[in-house]
């Protein structure tokens, strides 16, 4: 069994910053691409950022220049540094990771439970 546990969400004023963390634990042989999605009320879930094992990143246009994704491969942890937050960034943020449980298994996508980020004055 694999678990992804997120932390770091909360309430912040416009222009403020938050840092989200997501740690993978359990039966893990290898972790591939990791990322963050978000879902705002009444909207579809959207990709926010992804990062490969080698550190290559990709961002949604709406967060480029404001958010930074990073990872610690030794800790199987992915981070999302969010700066210059806007009210439209308000959403539940979900981390995800491609995880291989054994040498013989294939990569399977796992999801965290989500953490609420609210940007409001």
N, C-alpha and C. Protein backbone atom coordinates (compact mmCIF):
# COMPACT_ATOMS: atom_id res chain seq x y z
N UNK A 1 0.83 -1.19 0.00
CA UNK A 1 0.00 0.00 0.00
C UNK A 1 0.87 1.25 0.00
N UNK A 2 0.45 2.23 -0.77
CA UNK A 2 1.16 3.49 -0.86
C UNK A 2 0.24 4.60 -0.35
N UNK A 3 0.81 5.52 0.40
CA UNK A 3 0.06 6.68 0.87
C UNK A 3 0.79 7.95 0.49
N UNK A 4 0.02 8.95 0.09
CA UNK A 4 0.53 10.30 -0.13
C UNK A 4 -0.16 11.20 0.88
N UNK A 5 0.64 11.87 1.70
CA UNK A 5 0.08 12.72 2.75
C UNK A 5 0.54 14.16 2.51
N UNK A 6 -0.45 15.03 2.31
CA UNK A 6 -0.17 16.44 2.06
C UNK A 6 -0.24 17.25 3.35
N UNK A 7 0.45 18.38 3.35
CA UNK A 7 0.38 19.31 4.46
C UNK A 7 0.72 20.70 3.95
N UNK A 8 0.37 21.71 4.74
CA UNK A 8 0.76 23.07 4.42
C UNK A 8 -0.32 23.98 3.90
N UNK A 9 -1.52 23.47 3.71
CA UNK A 9 -2.59 24.33 3.25
C UNK A 9 -3.08 25.26 4.34
N UNK A 10 -3.97 26.17 3.97
CA UNK A 10 -4.52 27.09 4.96
C UNK A 10 -5.09 28.33 4.33
N UNK A 11 -5.30 29.32 5.17
CA UNK A 11 -5.86 30.61 4.75
C UNK A 11 -4.73 31.63 4.65
N UNK A 12 -4.69 32.35 3.54
CA UNK A 12 -3.66 33.36 3.35
C UNK A 12 -4.27 34.55 2.63
N UNK A 13 -3.72 35.73 2.87
CA UNK A 13 -4.21 36.93 2.21
C UNK A 13 -3.67 37.03 0.78
N UNK A 14 -4.36 37.71 -0.08
CA UNK A 14 -3.84 37.93 -1.44
C UNK A 14 -2.44 38.53 -1.40
N UNK A 15 -1.57 38.00 -2.25
CA UNK A 15 -0.18 38.43 -2.26
C UNK A 15 0.71 37.62 -1.34
N UNK A 16 0.13 36.80 -0.50
CA UNK A 16 0.89 36.00 0.44
C UNK A 16 1.46 34.73 -0.17
N UNK A 17 2.09 33.93 0.69
CA UNK A 17 2.75 32.70 0.25
C UNK A 17 2.36 31.52 1.12
N UNK A 18 2.40 30.36 0.51
CA UNK A 18 2.23 29.10 1.22
C UNK A 18 3.15 28.07 0.60
N UNK A 19 3.54 27.08 1.39
CA UNK A 19 4.33 25.98 0.88
C UNK A 19 3.63 24.67 1.21
N UNK A 20 3.28 23.93 0.17
CA UNK A 20 2.66 22.62 0.35
C UNK A 20 3.72 21.53 0.28
N UNK A 21 3.52 20.49 1.07
CA UNK A 21 4.40 19.32 1.05
C UNK A 21 3.56 18.07 0.85
N UNK A 22 4.15 17.07 0.25
CA UNK A 22 3.46 15.80 0.05
C UNK A 22 4.50 14.68 0.12
N UNK A 23 4.34 13.81 1.10
CA UNK A 23 5.29 12.73 1.31
C UNK A 23 4.65 11.39 0.95
N UNK A 24 5.35 10.61 0.16
CA UNK A 24 4.90 9.27 -0.20
C UNK A 24 5.53 8.26 0.75
N UNK A 25 4.71 7.31 1.19
CA UNK A 25 5.21 6.28 2.11
C UNK A 25 4.53 4.95 1.81
N UNK A 26 5.08 3.90 2.41
CA UNK A 26 4.52 2.57 2.19
C UNK A 26 5.46 1.73 1.35
N UNK A 27 4.85 0.86 0.54
CA UNK A 27 5.61 -0.07 -0.28
C UNK A 27 6.06 0.65 -1.54
N UNK A 28 7.29 1.15 -1.56
CA UNK A 28 7.80 1.95 -2.67
C UNK A 28 9.14 1.39 -3.14
N UNK A 29 9.20 1.05 -4.41
CA UNK A 29 10.47 0.67 -5.03
C UNK A 29 11.07 1.86 -5.78
N UNK A 30 10.19 2.59 -6.47
CA UNK A 30 10.67 3.73 -7.25
C UNK A 30 9.53 4.73 -7.42
N UNK A 31 9.88 6.01 -7.42
CA UNK A 31 8.91 7.08 -7.65
C UNK A 31 9.27 7.80 -8.93
N UNK A 32 8.31 7.96 -9.82
CA UNK A 32 8.54 8.64 -11.08
C UNK A 32 8.10 10.09 -11.00
N UNK A 33 7.29 10.49 -11.98
CA UNK A 33 6.82 11.87 -12.03
C UNK A 33 5.93 12.15 -10.81
N UNK A 34 6.11 13.35 -10.23
CA UNK A 34 5.27 13.80 -9.13
C UNK A 34 4.64 15.13 -9.55
N UNK A 35 3.50 15.45 -8.97
CA UNK A 35 2.86 16.69 -9.37
C UNK A 35 1.77 17.14 -8.43
N UNK A 36 1.19 18.26 -8.80
CA UNK A 36 0.08 18.84 -8.05
C UNK A 36 -1.04 19.21 -9.02
N UNK A 37 -2.25 18.90 -8.62
CA UNK A 37 -3.45 19.34 -9.31
C UNK A 37 -4.26 20.17 -8.31
N UNK A 38 -5.27 20.86 -8.80
CA UNK A 38 -6.17 21.57 -7.90
C UNK A 38 -7.58 21.56 -8.47
N UNK A 39 -8.54 21.70 -7.55
CA UNK A 39 -9.93 21.77 -7.96
C UNK A 39 -10.64 22.83 -7.14
N UNK A 40 -11.12 23.84 -7.85
CA UNK A 40 -11.88 24.92 -7.22
C UNK A 40 -13.35 24.55 -7.23
N UNK A 41 -14.14 25.14 -6.32
CA UNK A 41 -15.57 24.83 -6.28
C UNK A 41 -16.26 25.09 -7.61
N UNK A 42 -16.98 24.10 -8.10
CA UNK A 42 -17.72 24.25 -9.34
C UNK A 42 -16.88 24.17 -10.59
N UNK A 43 -15.60 23.84 -10.44
CA UNK A 43 -14.71 23.76 -11.61
C UNK A 43 -14.08 22.38 -11.71
N UNK A 44 -13.58 22.08 -12.89
CA UNK A 44 -12.91 20.80 -13.09
C UNK A 44 -11.50 20.85 -12.48
N UNK A 45 -11.02 19.64 -12.15
CA UNK A 45 -9.66 19.56 -11.64
C UNK A 45 -8.69 19.93 -12.75
N UNK A 46 -7.64 20.69 -12.40
CA UNK A 46 -6.66 21.12 -13.38
C UNK A 46 -5.25 20.86 -12.88
N UNK A 47 -4.36 20.60 -13.84
CA UNK A 47 -2.96 20.41 -13.50
C UNK A 47 -2.36 21.74 -13.09
N UNK A 48 -1.55 21.71 -12.03
CA UNK A 48 -0.85 22.91 -11.59
C UNK A 48 0.63 22.83 -11.98
N UNK A 49 1.27 21.74 -11.62
CA UNK A 49 2.70 21.59 -11.91
C UNK A 49 3.10 20.13 -11.80
N UNK A 50 4.13 19.76 -12.57
CA UNK A 50 4.69 18.42 -12.49
C UNK A 50 6.20 18.51 -12.49
N UNK A 51 6.85 17.46 -11.97
CA UNK A 51 8.31 17.43 -11.93
C UNK A 51 8.76 15.98 -12.11
N UNK A 52 9.75 15.80 -12.98
CA UNK A 52 10.28 14.46 -13.21
C UNK A 52 11.32 14.12 -12.16
N UNK A 53 11.77 12.89 -12.19
CA UNK A 53 12.81 12.45 -11.25
C UNK A 53 14.08 13.28 -11.43
N UNK A 54 14.35 13.67 -12.67
CA UNK A 54 15.54 14.45 -12.95
C UNK A 54 15.40 15.94 -12.71
N UNK A 55 14.18 16.38 -12.36
CA UNK A 55 14.00 17.78 -12.02
C UNK A 55 13.39 18.65 -13.12
N UNK A 56 13.02 18.06 -14.24
CA UNK A 56 12.35 18.83 -15.29
C UNK A 56 10.94 19.17 -14.83
N UNK A 57 10.56 20.44 -15.01
CA UNK A 57 9.27 20.91 -14.50
C UNK A 57 8.37 21.42 -15.62
N UNK A 58 7.08 21.44 -15.32
CA UNK A 58 6.10 22.02 -16.23
C UNK A 58 5.00 22.61 -15.38
N UNK A 59 4.50 23.79 -15.81
CA UNK A 59 3.52 24.52 -15.02
C UNK A 59 2.32 24.92 -15.87
N UNK A 60 1.18 25.05 -15.22
CA UNK A 60 0.03 25.66 -15.86
C UNK A 60 0.35 27.13 -16.10
N UNK A 61 -0.15 27.68 -17.19
CA UNK A 61 0.13 29.08 -17.52
C UNK A 61 -0.31 30.01 -16.39
N UNK A 62 -1.37 29.65 -15.69
CA UNK A 62 -1.93 30.52 -14.66
C UNK A 62 -1.03 30.67 -13.44
N UNK A 63 -0.05 29.77 -13.27
CA UNK A 63 0.80 29.83 -12.08
C UNK A 63 2.27 30.07 -12.42
N UNK A 64 2.61 30.12 -13.70
CA UNK A 64 4.01 30.33 -14.09
C UNK A 64 4.53 31.62 -13.51
N UNK A 65 5.73 31.54 -12.95
CA UNK A 65 6.36 32.72 -12.37
C UNK A 65 5.96 32.98 -10.93
N UNK A 66 4.94 32.27 -10.44
CA UNK A 66 4.48 32.46 -9.07
C UNK A 66 4.68 31.19 -8.23
N UNK A 67 4.49 30.03 -8.84
CA UNK A 67 4.61 28.76 -8.13
C UNK A 67 5.90 28.06 -8.55
N UNK A 68 6.49 27.32 -7.61
CA UNK A 68 7.68 26.52 -7.89
C UNK A 68 7.50 25.13 -7.31
N UNK A 69 7.64 24.13 -8.17
CA UNK A 69 7.57 22.74 -7.71
C UNK A 69 8.98 22.21 -7.55
N UNK A 70 9.19 21.42 -6.51
CA UNK A 70 10.50 20.81 -6.27
C UNK A 70 10.28 19.45 -5.60
N UNK A 71 11.34 18.69 -5.50
CA UNK A 71 11.20 17.37 -4.87
C UNK A 71 12.49 16.96 -4.18
N UNK A 72 12.34 16.10 -3.19
CA UNK A 72 13.46 15.50 -2.50
C UNK A 72 13.35 14.00 -2.74
N UNK A 73 14.15 13.48 -3.66
CA UNK A 73 14.02 12.07 -4.03
C UNK A 73 14.36 11.14 -2.87
N UNK A 74 15.25 11.55 -2.01
CA UNK A 74 15.63 10.70 -0.88
C UNK A 74 14.47 10.55 0.11
N UNK A 75 13.60 11.54 0.14
CA UNK A 75 12.47 11.52 1.08
C UNK A 75 11.16 11.20 0.39
N UNK A 76 11.20 10.97 -0.92
CA UNK A 76 9.97 10.72 -1.69
C UNK A 76 8.92 11.81 -1.44
N UNK A 77 9.38 13.03 -1.45
CA UNK A 77 8.53 14.18 -1.11
C UNK A 77 8.56 15.21 -2.23
N UNK A 78 7.39 15.78 -2.49
CA UNK A 78 7.27 16.85 -3.47
C UNK A 78 6.72 18.09 -2.76
N UNK A 79 7.18 19.24 -3.20
CA UNK A 79 6.79 20.52 -2.60
C UNK A 79 6.19 21.43 -3.66
N UNK A 80 5.36 22.35 -3.20
CA UNK A 80 4.84 23.39 -4.07
C UNK A 80 4.93 24.72 -3.31
N UNK A 81 5.87 25.54 -3.72
CA UNK A 81 6.01 26.88 -3.15
C UNK A 81 5.11 27.82 -3.94
N UNK A 82 4.16 28.44 -3.26
CA UNK A 82 3.19 29.31 -3.91
C UNK A 82 3.37 30.73 -3.41
N UNK A 83 3.76 31.63 -4.31
CA UNK A 83 3.96 33.03 -3.98
C UNK A 83 2.95 33.89 -4.73
N UNK A 84 2.81 35.12 -4.30
CA UNK A 84 1.90 36.08 -4.95
C UNK A 84 0.53 35.46 -5.18
N UNK A 85 0.01 34.86 -4.14
CA UNK A 85 -1.26 34.14 -4.26
C UNK A 85 -2.41 35.08 -4.57
N UNK A 86 -3.34 34.59 -5.37
CA UNK A 86 -4.51 35.34 -5.79
C UNK A 86 -5.78 34.61 -5.32
N UNK A 87 -6.88 35.33 -5.18
CA UNK A 87 -8.14 34.66 -4.79
C UNK A 87 -8.50 33.51 -5.72
N UNK A 88 -8.16 33.63 -6.99
CA UNK A 88 -8.49 32.56 -7.94
C UNK A 88 -7.62 31.31 -7.75
N UNK A 89 -6.63 31.37 -6.87
CA UNK A 89 -5.85 30.17 -6.54
C UNK A 89 -6.56 29.33 -5.47
N UNK A 90 -7.64 29.85 -4.93
CA UNK A 90 -8.39 29.10 -3.92
C UNK A 90 -8.91 27.80 -4.50
N UNK A 91 -8.56 26.69 -3.84
CA UNK A 91 -8.93 25.37 -4.34
C UNK A 91 -8.45 24.32 -3.34
N UNK A 92 -8.89 23.09 -3.57
CA UNK A 92 -8.28 21.95 -2.90
C UNK A 92 -7.13 21.47 -3.78
N UNK A 93 -5.96 21.36 -3.19
CA UNK A 93 -4.76 20.96 -3.92
C UNK A 93 -4.46 19.49 -3.62
N UNK A 94 -4.26 18.73 -4.69
CA UNK A 94 -3.99 17.30 -4.58
C UNK A 94 -2.61 16.98 -5.14
N UNK A 95 -1.81 16.25 -4.39
CA UNK A 95 -0.55 15.79 -4.96
C UNK A 95 -0.77 14.43 -5.60
N UNK A 96 0.12 14.09 -6.52
CA UNK A 96 0.05 12.80 -7.18
C UNK A 96 1.46 12.34 -7.51
N UNK A 97 1.60 11.03 -7.67
CA UNK A 97 2.92 10.48 -7.96
C UNK A 97 2.77 9.14 -8.67
N UNK A 98 3.64 8.92 -9.64
CA UNK A 98 3.74 7.61 -10.27
C UNK A 98 4.68 6.76 -9.43
N UNK A 99 4.16 5.65 -8.91
CA UNK A 99 4.93 4.85 -7.97
C UNK A 99 4.98 3.39 -8.41
N UNK A 100 6.19 2.85 -8.34
CA UNK A 100 6.41 1.44 -8.63
C UNK A 100 6.66 0.75 -7.29
N UNK A 101 5.81 -0.23 -6.95
CA UNK A 101 5.91 -0.84 -5.63
C UNK A 101 6.99 -1.89 -5.54
N UNK A 102 7.25 -2.60 -6.62
CA UNK A 102 8.30 -3.62 -6.62
C UNK A 102 9.08 -3.52 -7.93
N UNK A 103 10.15 -4.23 -8.03
CA UNK A 103 10.97 -4.25 -9.24
C UNK A 103 10.14 -4.72 -10.43
N UNK A 104 9.24 -5.66 -10.19
CA UNK A 104 8.50 -6.29 -11.28
C UNK A 104 7.20 -5.56 -11.62
N UNK A 105 6.75 -4.65 -10.78
CA UNK A 105 5.46 -4.00 -11.04
C UNK A 105 5.63 -2.81 -11.97
N UNK A 106 4.49 -2.32 -12.46
CA UNK A 106 4.51 -1.12 -13.31
C UNK A 106 4.24 0.11 -12.45
N UNK A 107 4.49 1.26 -13.02
CA UNK A 107 4.19 2.51 -12.31
C UNK A 107 2.67 2.69 -12.26
N UNK A 108 2.17 3.01 -11.08
CA UNK A 108 0.76 3.30 -10.87
C UNK A 108 0.62 4.69 -10.27
N UNK A 109 -0.39 5.42 -10.71
CA UNK A 109 -0.61 6.78 -10.22
C UNK A 109 -1.36 6.75 -8.89
N UNK A 110 -0.80 7.41 -7.89
CA UNK A 110 -1.43 7.52 -6.58
C UNK A 110 -1.73 8.98 -6.27
N UNK A 111 -2.75 9.21 -5.43
CA UNK A 111 -3.20 10.56 -5.11
C UNK A 111 -3.24 10.78 -3.60
N UNK A 112 -2.99 12.00 -3.20
CA UNK A 112 -3.19 12.38 -1.82
C UNK A 112 -4.65 12.72 -1.56
N UNK A 113 -4.94 13.03 -0.31
CA UNK A 113 -6.32 13.28 0.08
C UNK A 113 -6.76 14.72 -0.19
N UNK A 114 -5.82 15.57 -0.46
CA UNK A 114 -6.14 16.96 -0.75
C UNK A 114 -5.95 17.86 0.45
N UNK A 115 -5.55 19.10 0.18
CA UNK A 115 -5.40 20.10 1.23
C UNK A 115 -5.99 21.42 0.73
N UNK A 116 -6.76 22.06 1.59
CA UNK A 116 -7.47 23.28 1.19
C UNK A 116 -6.54 24.49 1.24
N UNK A 117 -6.55 25.25 0.18
CA UNK A 117 -5.86 26.54 0.13
C UNK A 117 -6.91 27.61 -0.14
N UNK A 118 -7.00 28.58 0.75
CA UNK A 118 -7.97 29.67 0.62
C UNK A 118 -7.22 30.99 0.62
N UNK A 119 -7.42 31.76 -0.44
CA UNK A 119 -6.78 33.07 -0.56
C UNK A 119 -7.86 34.13 -0.45
N UNK A 120 -7.85 34.85 0.65
CA UNK A 120 -8.92 35.81 0.91
C UNK A 120 -8.45 36.84 1.92
N UNK A 121 -8.97 38.06 1.75
CA UNK A 121 -8.67 39.10 2.72
C UNK A 121 -9.73 39.15 3.80
